[in-house]
Amino acid sequence: MPRGVAIPEVRQQLFAAVERVIARDGPGRLSGRSVTAEAGVATGLLHAHFADLDDFLAAYAVDRAFLVSAGAGALADRSGKGSVVDNLCDAITATPLPAVGTLVKLLVARPELAGRVQAVLGDRTAGLGAVEHAAAAYLAAEQRLGRIAATAEPEALALALVGAFHHLVLTGAADVRARLQAVITALVGYKRSNTLGSPKP
């Protein structure tokens, strides 16, 4: 990239580059130079927009955690509508899987970033924590409507769903959506064919 040429949306360009680097090399090989090389920009560009690599990674984590949170937020309007299984699956997988995978791997490798994300977005309102919170509230609402069993425990189910998704993402599982649907169906005890929502006996 020639000097003096403005790069539109440089933050997102660098964010996309860090996802490719982590997907290919893992978080252990991450450096400012590897990110800028992947993005095809000058080495100093990252430091022109961020204080250091940690500041850049924190900004990335906040950005992607917000996207995950926004996807989960759609559950609030889905109570009593459509399929419980599909509603949950749509919300959990709303954010592109490469972004979720990078975020999860990055937070595992650099757990201190979680605190920086929470400082910006708030506790239980960021990333997979937001998904768990939204799923628990949604399941409780569906339970009140009689669409899942009265004996179900929404908070425990939500934790199990997020844990399953976390595992599928970290292990690079194929066909994540189909496998997640199977997990949700087994845990919630819901017949996908019954969109009116009668719980299984």
Foldseek 3Di string as FASTA:
>chain_A
DDPPDDDPPVLVLLLVQLLVCCVVPNPVPDALQSSCVSSVHDSCPVVVPAVGPLRSVLVSLLVLQQVLLVLLVVLVPCAQFFFLLVSLLRSNCVRPLSSLLSNLRVCVVPVVSVVSNCVVQNPCRTHLSSNLVSQLVSVVSNVVVQLFDVPARSNVLSVVLSVLLSVCSNVVHPPSSVVSSVSNCVRRQGDNVPGSRHHDD
